[in-house]
Amino acid sequence: MNPQTDTRSLPREEAARREAMTERQAYVDIVKAVLAHLEAGTTDSAPEVLRVSTAIYTDPELFEREKKTIFSDSPQLVGFSSELPEAGSYSTFDELGVPVLLTRDKAGQVHAFLNACTHRAARLKEGSGKAASITCPYHAWGFDLKGQLRNVYEEKSFGPIEKQFYDLVRLPVEEKYGLIFVGLKPGLRFSIDEILGDTAALFAAWNLGQTTLVGTHEWNLKSNWKLALDTFCEGYHFTPLHKASLGDVSIGNLSLVHFFGPDRRNHRVAFPNLTIKRLKEVPEADWGDDLFNEFQLVHFIYPNISLLVSPAAVELFQLYPGKEVGEHLTRYRCFWRSTQPEAGWGVNSPQQHFEFVREIVDKEDYWVSANVMKSLNGKLRSFNTFGRNEPALHNMHKAFARGVGQALEQAPLVRDGMA
């Protein structure tokens, strides 16, 4: 796949053809790599086993530094373009201590603001919806969808002000490939193309901005946010933990890991489906055009996003630190991208697909995460271990350590407790 391919100046039909060719070649490369691992009995691996201090999940001081650095210094994927479908659409975002208001203006441009009136800081909007303008519920100051102050209620009695100094506080925002990223600091600079790196070509082909929201679920879990993220980053647990739910779908302990973005801190893990084994006996020329059905692609986007893209759907998991080190919020939103009603994991409707994924995470992944947190809270274990077959975990936690100005060192090999 050539990430530099630019089809914007080509006729529409030719651009679509070239994008399809680029997308298919990416899938061919993934299938070839999986088949090579199947032949050799291997998986993508890190150079060595990594021991990490369990304090990365339990230290309250580290937790506070993470919130002040990792989250405030990093752009946030807040949603998809389809969630602001037309002019006048708005939505709000509050999970990281900075209330954000998103709007789409009459020209189709997305804007992000501090969700606070510039008169006396009253909250302007709740939830999502559509409006021709923004009116403060406290004193009726009026703003347009670009955040400009247009009228002051009873201006004659209020007194003269220089309105250009009372526009809404603007936050950096970018929309591309159907993704919307927002920075929580006015001066934060970022680029979606830089975030996605050489995966941008696939995101462009997927057209995620045309997806349809199926359902939303939230977990307020007694688990550190990083510990919960760990469950999305390796396939070593698939066969033991997901035997009943995914045992007849996925291949356990085999995955491809691709690092991308700034400092290669993001990753994509390809988890192959059992059906891929049939291609060992099929010539590449006869593999067909539905290779994306042979694996799942799970992306980690720093610092707190797990994004699973498949032919049927997109599973967006946003993980936010809670008030305490051992608490967090996960918001899961399922978006449908398939025109085929039975394109999900053997289920019959988008709603059933959403419920299927939710149950797996709830009853299996997050059940384990909450129980691991209970064990760590006892502070009797000094280290956890990431195997060579869990390279995405190595990379992700090293990125978190860099985010707070530290290096992730090998934890000492000690015998905890009594034998």
Protein backbone atom coordinates (compact mmCIF):
# COMPACT_ATOMS: atom_id res chain seq x y z
CA MET A 1 0.00 0.00 0.00
CA ASN A 2 1.33 3.43 -0.91
CA PRO A 3 0.10 5.92 1.70
CA GLN A 4 1.13 8.81 -0.53
CA THR A 5 -1.35 7.94 -3.28
CA ASP A 6 -3.45 11.05 -3.96
CA THR A 7 -6.61 10.52 -6.00
CA ARG A 8 -8.26 13.88 -5.37
CA SER A 9 -7.52 15.26 -8.86
CA LEU A 10 -8.67 12.12 -10.73
CA PRO A 11 -12.11 11.55 -12.28
CA ARG A 12 -14.46 10.04 -9.69
CA GLU A 13 -14.64 6.56 -11.27
CA GLU A 14 -10.87 6.29 -11.70
CA ALA A 15 -10.23 7.57 -8.16
CA ALA A 16 -12.63 4.96 -6.75
CA ARG A 17 -10.94 2.21 -8.77
CA ARG A 18 -7.47 3.14 -7.56
CA GLU A 19 -8.60 3.42 -3.94
CA ALA A 20 -10.18 -0.04 -4.19
CA MET A 21 -6.94 -1.45 -5.59
CA THR A 22 -4.93 0.16 -2.78
CA GLU A 23 -7.34 -1.13 -0.14
CA ARG A 24 -7.30 -4.67 -1.53
CA GLN A 25 -3.49 -4.77 -1.64
CA ALA A 26 -3.40 -3.88 2.05
CA TYR A 27 -5.69 -6.83 2.76
CA VAL A 28 -3.62 -9.14 0.56
CA ASP A 29 -0.50 -8.18 2.54
CA ILE A 30 -2.26 -8.95 5.82
CA VAL A 31 -3.50 -12.34 4.59
CA LYS A 32 -0.02 -13.29 3.33
CA ALA A 33 1.55 -12.40 6.67
CA VAL A 34 -1.07 -14.39 8.61
CA LEU A 35 -0.62 -17.45 6.38
CA ALA A 36 3.15 -17.26 6.90
CA HIS A 37 2.62 -17.23 10.67
CA LEU A 38 0.22 -20.17 10.43
CA GLU A 39 2.80 -22.13 8.45
CA ALA A 40 5.56 -21.35 10.95
CA GLY A 41 3.43 -21.53 14.11
CA THR A 42 4.47 -17.99 15.05
CA THR A 43 2.99 -14.55 15.68
CA ASP A 44 4.29 -10.98 15.62
CA SER A 45 6.52 -10.60 18.66
CA ALA A 46 8.54 -8.17 20.76
CA PRO A 47 12.28 -8.81 21.27
CA GLU A 48 11.89 -9.85 24.90
CA VAL A 49 9.47 -10.37 27.76
CA LEU A 50 8.71 -7.12 29.60
CA ARG A 51 7.99 -6.88 33.32
CA VAL A 52 6.12 -3.74 34.36
CA SER A 53 5.54 -2.45 37.86
CA THR A 54 1.93 -2.87 38.97
CA ALA A 55 2.18 0.71 40.25
CA ILE A 56 1.40 1.90 36.70
CA TYR A 57 -2.18 0.86 37.49
CA THR A 58 -2.37 1.79 41.19
CA ASP A 59 -0.18 4.85 41.88
CA PRO A 60 -2.47 7.87 42.53
CA GLU A 61 0.32 10.40 41.89
CA LEU A 62 1.11 8.88 38.50
CA PHE A 63 -2.61 8.84 37.74
CA GLU A 64 -2.90 12.59 38.38
CA ARG A 65 0.14 13.31 36.18
CA GLU A 66 -1.39 11.27 33.38
CA LYS A 67 -4.56 13.35 33.48
CA LYS A 68 -2.57 16.61 33.44
CA THR A 69 -0.19 15.58 30.65
CA ILE A 70 -1.25 12.61 28.54
CA PHE A 71 -4.84 13.77 28.12
CA SER A 72 -4.46 17.54 28.08
CA ASP A 73 -1.53 17.39 25.63
CA SER A 74 -3.13 14.96 23.16
CA PRO A 75 -5.94 15.51 20.63
CA GLN A 76 -9.06 13.51 21.35
CA LEU A 77 -11.07 11.49 18.86
CA VAL A 78 -14.53 12.65 19.92
CA GLY A 79 -16.58 10.98 17.21
CA PHE A 80 -17.47 10.58 13.54
CA SER A 81 -18.70 13.08 10.98
CA SER A 82 -21.99 11.22 10.83
CA GLU A 83 -22.74 12.45 14.37
CA LEU A 84 -22.87 16.02 13.04
CA PRO A 85 -24.80 15.15 9.88
CA GLU A 86 -25.92 18.58 8.65
CA ALA A 87 -25.67 22.34 9.08
CA GLY A 88 -26.85 23.31 12.55
CA SER A 89 -25.91 19.99 14.12
CA TYR A 90 -24.22 20.22 17.50
CA SER A 91 -22.93 17.87 20.18
CA THR A 92 -21.17 18.16 23.53
CA PHE A 93 -18.23 16.41 25.15
CA ASP A 94 -17.35 16.57 28.86
CA GLU A 95 -15.33 13.57 29.93
CA LEU A 96 -11.92 15.18 30.49
CA GLY A 97 -12.79 18.22 32.59
CA VAL A 98 -13.06 20.66 29.68
CA PRO A 99 -16.66 21.08 28.48
CA VAL A 100 -16.61 21.09 24.66
CA LEU A 101 -19.30 22.21 22.21
CA LEU A 102 -19.08 21.03 18.59
CA THR A 103 -21.08 22.69 15.81
CA ARG A 104 -21.38 22.37 12.05
CA ASP A 105 -21.97 25.73 10.39
CA LYS A 106 -24.02 26.51 7.28
CA ALA A 107 -20.99 25.94 5.03
CA GLY A 108 -20.47 22.45 6.49
CA GLN A 109 -17.42 23.37 8.59
CA VAL A 110 -16.99 21.82 12.04
CA HIS A 111 -16.07 24.09 14.97
CA ALA A 112 -15.13 23.33 18.58
CA PHE A 113 -15.57 25.72 21.50
CA LEU A 114 -15.47 25.81 25.25
CA ASN A 115 -19.10 25.08 26.13
CA ALA A 116 -19.41 28.31 28.14
CA CYS A 117 -20.98 31.68 27.47
CA THR A 118 -18.46 34.54 27.40
CA HIS A 119 -20.74 36.65 29.63
CA ARG A 120 -20.68 34.68 32.87
CA ALA A 121 -19.53 31.20 31.75
CA ALA A 122 -22.96 29.53 31.75
CA ARG A 123 -23.16 26.21 29.94
CA LEU A 124 -24.62 26.70 26.46
CA LYS A 125 -25.79 23.29 25.24
CA GLU A 126 -26.50 19.78 26.52
CA GLY A 127 -26.28 16.53 24.59
CA SER A 128 -26.72 16.79 20.84
CA GLY A 129 -29.25 18.18 18.41
CA LYS A 130 -29.79 20.85 15.78
CA ALA A 131 -30.02 24.63 16.12
CA ALA A 132 -29.80 27.63 13.79
CA SER A 133 -27.79 29.53 16.41
CA ILE A 134 -26.60 29.28 20.01
CA THR A 135 -28.44 31.12 22.76
CA CYS A 136 -27.25 31.17 26.35
CA PRO A 137 -30.01 29.90 28.68
CA TYR A 138 -28.83 32.21 31.48
CA HIS A 139 -28.96 35.71 29.96
CA ALA A 140 -29.86 35.02 26.30
CA TRP A 141 -26.62 36.17 24.70
CA GLY A 142 -26.66 34.91 21.12
CA PHE A 143 -23.85 33.35 19.08
CA ASP A 144 -23.74 32.00 15.55
CA LEU A 145 -22.55 28.50 14.68
CA LYS A 146 -19.03 29.86 14.14
CA GLY A 147 -18.94 31.05 17.74
CA GLN A 148 -19.24 34.76 17.02
CA LEU A 149 -21.25 36.89 19.46
CA ARG A 150 -24.15 38.33 17.49
CA ASN A 151 -26.40 39.93 20.09
CA VAL A 152 -26.45 40.94 23.75
CA TYR A 153 -29.81 40.69 25.45
CA GLU A 154 -31.08 44.15 26.46
CA GLU A 155 -27.83 45.61 25.20
CA LYS A 156 -28.87 49.21 25.89
CA SER A 157 -29.19 48.63 29.62
CA PHE A 158 -26.25 46.21 29.78
CA GLY A 159 -23.81 48.78 28.46
CA PRO A 160 -21.38 48.90 25.52
CA ILE A 161 -18.81 46.11 25.02
CA GLU A 162 -16.37 45.27 22.22
CA LYS A 163 -18.10 42.18 20.86
CA GLN A 164 -15.07 40.79 19.05
CA PHE A 165 -13.55 40.04 22.46
CA TYR A 166 -16.61 38.01 23.48
CA ASP A 167 -16.69 35.35 20.80
CA LEU A 168 -16.73 31.80 22.16
CA VAL A 169 -13.39 30.34 23.23
CA ARG A 170 -12.24 28.37 20.20
CA LEU A 171 -10.58 24.96 20.53
CA PRO A 172 -8.50 23.29 17.81
CA VAL A 173 -10.50 20.81 15.73
CA GLU A 174 -9.94 18.84 12.55
CA GLU A 175 -12.29 16.65 10.54
CA LYS A 176 -10.96 14.18 7.97
CA TYR A 177 -11.77 10.65 6.79
CA GLY A 178 -15.01 10.87 8.75
CA LEU A 179 -13.12 11.38 12.04
CA ILE A 180 -13.35 14.44 14.30
CA PHE A 181 -10.44 15.23 16.63
CA VAL A 182 -10.45 18.05 19.19
CA GLY A 183 -7.66 19.54 21.27
CA LEU A 184 -8.45 20.58 24.83
CA LYS A 185 -5.92 23.43 24.80
CA PRO A 186 -6.52 26.43 22.52
CA GLY A 187 -2.94 26.37 21.21
CA LEU A 188 -2.62 22.62 20.64
CA ARG A 189 -1.50 21.83 17.08
CA PHE A 190 -2.16 18.46 15.45
CA SER A 191 -2.89 16.78 12.14
CA ILE A 192 -5.13 13.77 11.53
CA ASP A 193 -2.79 12.67 8.74
CA GLU A 194 0.10 12.72 11.21
CA ILE A 195 -1.94 10.78 13.78
CA LEU A 196 -2.89 8.10 11.26
CA GLY A 197 0.46 7.97 9.46
CA ASP A 198 0.57 5.29 6.80
CA THR A 199 -2.84 3.93 7.82
CA ALA A 200 -4.52 7.08 6.44
CA ALA A 201 -5.11 5.49 3.02
CA LEU A 202 -7.27 2.77 4.55
CA PHE A 203 -9.20 5.24 6.68
CA ALA A 204 -9.89 7.23 3.52
CA ALA A 205 -11.19 4.11 1.77
CA TRP A 206 -13.48 3.17 4.67
CA ASN A 207 -15.44 6.44 4.53
CA LEU A 208 -16.36 6.28 8.21
CA GLY A 209 -18.27 9.54 7.94
CA GLN A 210 -21.14 7.66 6.29
CA THR A 211 -21.72 5.27 9.18
CA THR A 212 -24.96 5.00 11.16
CA LEU A 213 -25.05 4.87 14.95
CA VAL A 214 -26.53 1.59 16.19
CA GLY A 215 -26.21 1.89 19.96
CA THR A 216 -24.27 3.28 22.90
CA HIS A 217 -23.27 1.65 26.18
CA GLU A 218 -21.25 2.96 29.12
CA TRP A 219 -19.28 1.17 31.81
CA ASN A 220 -18.31 2.90 35.04
CA LEU A 221 -15.80 0.28 36.02
CA LYS A 222 -13.68 -0.26 39.12
CA SER A 223 -10.61 -0.62 36.94
CA ASN A 224 -7.73 1.65 35.96
CA TRP A 225 -8.19 3.06 32.45
CA LYS A 226 -4.90 1.57 31.18
CA LEU A 227 -5.73 -1.84 32.60
CA ALA A 228 -9.02 -1.81 30.70
CA LEU A 229 -7.23 -0.77 27.50
CA ASP A 230 -4.92 -3.77 27.82
CA THR A 231 -7.79 -6.11 26.98
CA PHE A 232 -8.04 -4.69 23.45
CA CYS A 233 -4.36 -5.06 22.56
CA GLU A 234 -3.54 -8.75 22.36
CA GLY A 235 -5.00 -12.03 21.11
CA TYR A 236 -3.18 -14.22 23.60
CA HIS A 237 -6.36 -14.35 25.71
CA PHE A 238 -8.76 -15.17 22.86
CA THR A 239 -8.88 -18.95 23.21
CA PRO A 240 -9.02 -19.16 27.05
CA LEU A 241 -11.33 -16.18 27.71
CA HIS A 242 -13.48 -16.02 24.56
CA LYS A 243 -13.81 -19.74 23.85
CA ALA A 244 -17.60 -19.74 24.13
CA SER A 245 -18.19 -16.45 22.27
CA LEU A 246 -15.46 -16.25 19.62
CA GLY A 247 -13.98 -19.73 19.69
CA ASP A 248 -15.56 -20.65 16.36
CA VAL A 249 -14.67 -17.28 14.79
CA SER A 250 -11.14 -16.15 15.70
CA ILE A 251 -7.68 -17.69 15.79
CA GLY A 252 -6.12 -17.26 19.22
CA ASN A 253 -2.55 -16.14 19.92
CA LEU A 254 -1.87 -15.04 16.35
CA SER A 255 -1.90 -11.38 15.38
CA LEU A 256 -0.14 -8.83 13.22
CA VAL A 257 0.91 -5.57 14.86
CA HIS A 258 1.59 -2.40 12.89
CA PHE A 259 2.81 0.77 14.63
CA PHE A 260 1.97 4.17 13.18
CA GLY A 261 1.63 7.87 13.94
CA PRO A 262 3.91 10.19 15.96
CA ASP A 263 6.77 8.22 17.52
CA ARG A 264 4.93 5.06 16.33
CA ARG A 265 2.85 5.33 19.51
CA ASN A 266 -0.38 4.15 17.86
CA HIS A 267 -0.92 0.61 16.73
CA ARG A 268 -3.17 -1.58 14.62
CA VAL A 269 -3.62 -5.25 15.45
CA ALA A 270 -4.99 -7.63 12.84
CA PHE A 271 -6.78 -10.57 14.50
CA PRO A 272 -7.39 -13.32 11.89
CA ASN A 273 -10.59 -15.31 11.61
CA LEU A 274 -10.56 -19.10 11.31
CA THR A 275 -11.86 -18.87 7.75
CA ILE A 276 -8.50 -17.48 6.62
CA LYS A 277 -7.00 -20.98 6.81
CA ARG A 278 -8.86 -22.03 3.66
CA LEU A 279 -6.77 -19.59 1.62
CA LYS A 280 -3.64 -21.69 2.20
CA GLU A 281 -4.84 -23.97 -0.58
CA VAL A 282 -6.17 -21.22 -2.87
CA PRO A 283 -3.98 -19.36 -5.41
CA GLU A 284 -3.70 -15.65 -4.61
CA ALA A 285 -5.33 -14.77 -7.93
CA ASP A 286 -8.47 -16.58 -6.72
CA TRP A 287 -8.71 -14.97 -3.28
CA GLY A 288 -11.59 -12.74 -4.37
CA ASP A 289 -12.60 -9.26 -3.27
CA ASP A 290 -13.90 -9.98 0.24
CA LEU A 291 -10.58 -10.45 2.06
CA PHE A 292 -11.61 -8.00 4.76
CA ASN A 293 -13.91 -10.73 6.08
CA GLU A 294 -10.85 -12.80 7.02
CA PHE A 295 -9.70 -10.67 9.98
CA GLN A 296 -10.60 -7.87 12.40
CA LEU A 297 -8.57 -4.65 12.60
CA VAL A 298 -8.32 -3.09 16.07
CA HIS A 299 -6.62 0.30 16.31
CA PHE A 300 -5.22 1.95 19.40
CA ILE A 301 -5.13 5.73 18.95
CA TYR A 302 -3.18 7.44 21.71
CA PRO A 303 -4.05 7.98 24.41
CA ASN A 304 -7.43 6.29 25.03
CA ILE A 305 -9.14 5.00 21.90
CA SER A 306 -9.77 1.45 20.76
CA LEU A 307 -11.32 1.42 17.29
CA LEU A 308 -12.35 -1.87 15.70
CA VAL A 309 -13.12 -1.64 11.98
CA SER A 310 -14.73 -4.52 10.08
CA PRO A 311 -16.76 -4.78 6.87
CA ALA A 312 -19.96 -4.68 8.91
CA ALA A 313 -19.37 -2.14 11.63
CA VAL A 314 -17.09 0.14 13.59
CA GLU A 315 -16.74 -0.32 17.35
CA LEU A 316 -15.53 2.90 19.00
CA PHE A 317 -14.36 2.55 22.61
CA GLN A 318 -13.36 5.76 24.42
CA LEU A 319 -11.76 5.22 27.84
CA TYR A 320 -11.54 8.07 30.35
CA PRO A 321 -9.86 8.12 33.77
CA GLY A 322 -12.22 8.31 36.73
CA LYS A 323 -11.94 10.29 39.92
CA GLU A 324 -9.68 7.69 41.51
CA VAL A 325 -6.80 5.68 40.07
CA GLY A 326 -8.82 2.45 40.17
CA GLU A 327 -11.87 3.82 38.32
CA HIS A 328 -12.63 4.70 34.73
CA LEU A 329 -15.43 5.29 32.24
CA THR A 330 -15.67 3.44 28.94
CA ARG A 331 -18.11 4.71 26.34
CA TYR A 332 -18.83 2.22 23.55
CA ARG A 333 -20.57 3.32 20.37
CA CYS A 334 -21.34 0.89 17.56
CA PHE A 335 -21.66 2.30 14.04
CA TRP A 336 -22.96 0.31 11.06
CA ARG A 337 -21.12 0.59 7.75
CA SER A 338 -22.42 -2.41 5.81
CA THR A 339 -25.28 -2.55 3.32
CA GLN A 340 -25.69 -6.24 4.13
CA PRO A 341 -28.03 -6.93 7.10
CA GLU A 342 -26.17 -10.13 8.02
CA ALA A 343 -22.62 -8.83 7.70
CA GLY A 344 -21.82 -8.95 11.43
CA TRP A 345 -20.34 -11.86 13.38
CA GLY A 346 -22.97 -14.38 12.34
CA VAL A 347 -25.84 -12.28 13.72
CA ASN A 348 -28.91 -11.09 11.93
CA SER A 349 -29.11 -7.34 12.48
CA PRO A 350 -27.03 -4.30 13.47
CA GLN A 351 -28.73 -4.28 16.88
CA GLN A 352 -27.86 -7.92 17.50
CA HIS A 353 -24.28 -7.23 16.46
CA PHE A 354 -24.07 -4.34 18.95
CA GLU A 355 -25.49 -6.48 21.75
CA PHE A 356 -23.14 -9.35 20.87
CA VAL A 357 -20.04 -7.15 21.13
CA ARG A 358 -21.30 -5.44 24.28
CA GLU A 359 -21.87 -8.78 26.01
CA ILE A 360 -18.40 -10.05 25.13
CA VAL A 361 -16.74 -6.95 26.57
CA ASP A 362 -19.02 -6.88 29.61
CA LYS A 363 -19.03 -10.55 30.58
CA GLU A 364 -15.52 -11.47 29.49
CA ASP A 365 -12.99 -8.65 28.91
CA TYR A 366 -14.22 -6.23 31.56
CA TRP A 367 -15.12 -9.00 33.99
CA VAL A 368 -11.43 -9.97 33.92
CA SER A 369 -10.25 -6.36 34.08
CA ALA A 370 -12.30 -5.61 37.20
CA ASN A 371 -11.03 -8.75 38.92
CA VAL A 372 -7.42 -8.00 38.05
CA MET A 373 -7.88 -4.54 39.58
CA LYS A 374 -9.14 -6.13 42.80
CA SER A 375 -5.95 -8.19 42.93
CA LEU A 376 -3.72 -5.18 42.25
CA ASN A 377 -5.46 -3.13 44.93
CA GLY A 378 -4.11 -5.61 47.47
CA LYS A 379 -0.59 -4.44 46.49
CA LEU A 380 0.91 -7.88 47.04
CA ARG A 381 2.10 -8.24 43.43
CA SER A 382 5.01 -5.99 42.44
CA PHE A 383 5.00 -6.64 38.69
CA ASN A 384 2.91 -7.85 35.76
CA THR A 385 4.47 -9.39 32.66
CA PHE A 386 3.92 -8.72 28.97
CA GLY A 387 4.98 -11.66 26.83
CA ARG A 388 6.90 -11.44 23.57
CA ASN A 389 3.60 -12.32 21.89
CA GLU A 390 2.02 -9.10 23.29
CA PRO A 391 4.11 -6.45 21.46
CA ALA A 392 1.30 -3.86 21.27
CA LEU A 393 1.21 -3.74 25.08
CA HIS A 394 4.96 -3.12 25.22
CA ASN A 395 4.68 -0.21 22.80
CA MET A 396 1.54 1.33 24.30
CA HIS A 397 2.82 1.42 27.87
CA LYS A 398 6.18 2.82 26.76
CA ALA A 399 4.23 5.62 25.06
CA PHE A 400 2.29 6.29 28.27
CA ALA A 401 5.55 6.49 30.21
CA ARG A 402 6.99 8.97 27.69
CA GLY A 403 3.79 10.99 28.03
CA VAL A 404 4.58 11.71 31.69
CA GLY A 405 8.31 12.23 31.07
CA GLN A 406 9.48 8.82 32.20
CA ALA A 407 10.94 5.65 30.73
CA LEU A 408 9.27 2.27 31.19
CA GLU A 409 11.94 0.16 32.87
CA GLN A 410 12.06 -3.59 33.44
CA ALA A 411 10.62 -4.21 36.90
CA PRO A 412 12.93 -6.15 39.23
CA LEU A 413 12.44 -9.91 39.16
CA VAL A 414 11.48 -10.70 42.74
CA ARG A 415 9.50 -13.40 44.50
CA ASP A 416 6.32 -11.78 45.79
CA GLY A 417 5.00 -13.14 49.07
CA MET A 418 5.85 -16.59 50.39
CA ALA A 419 6.24 -19.72 48.33
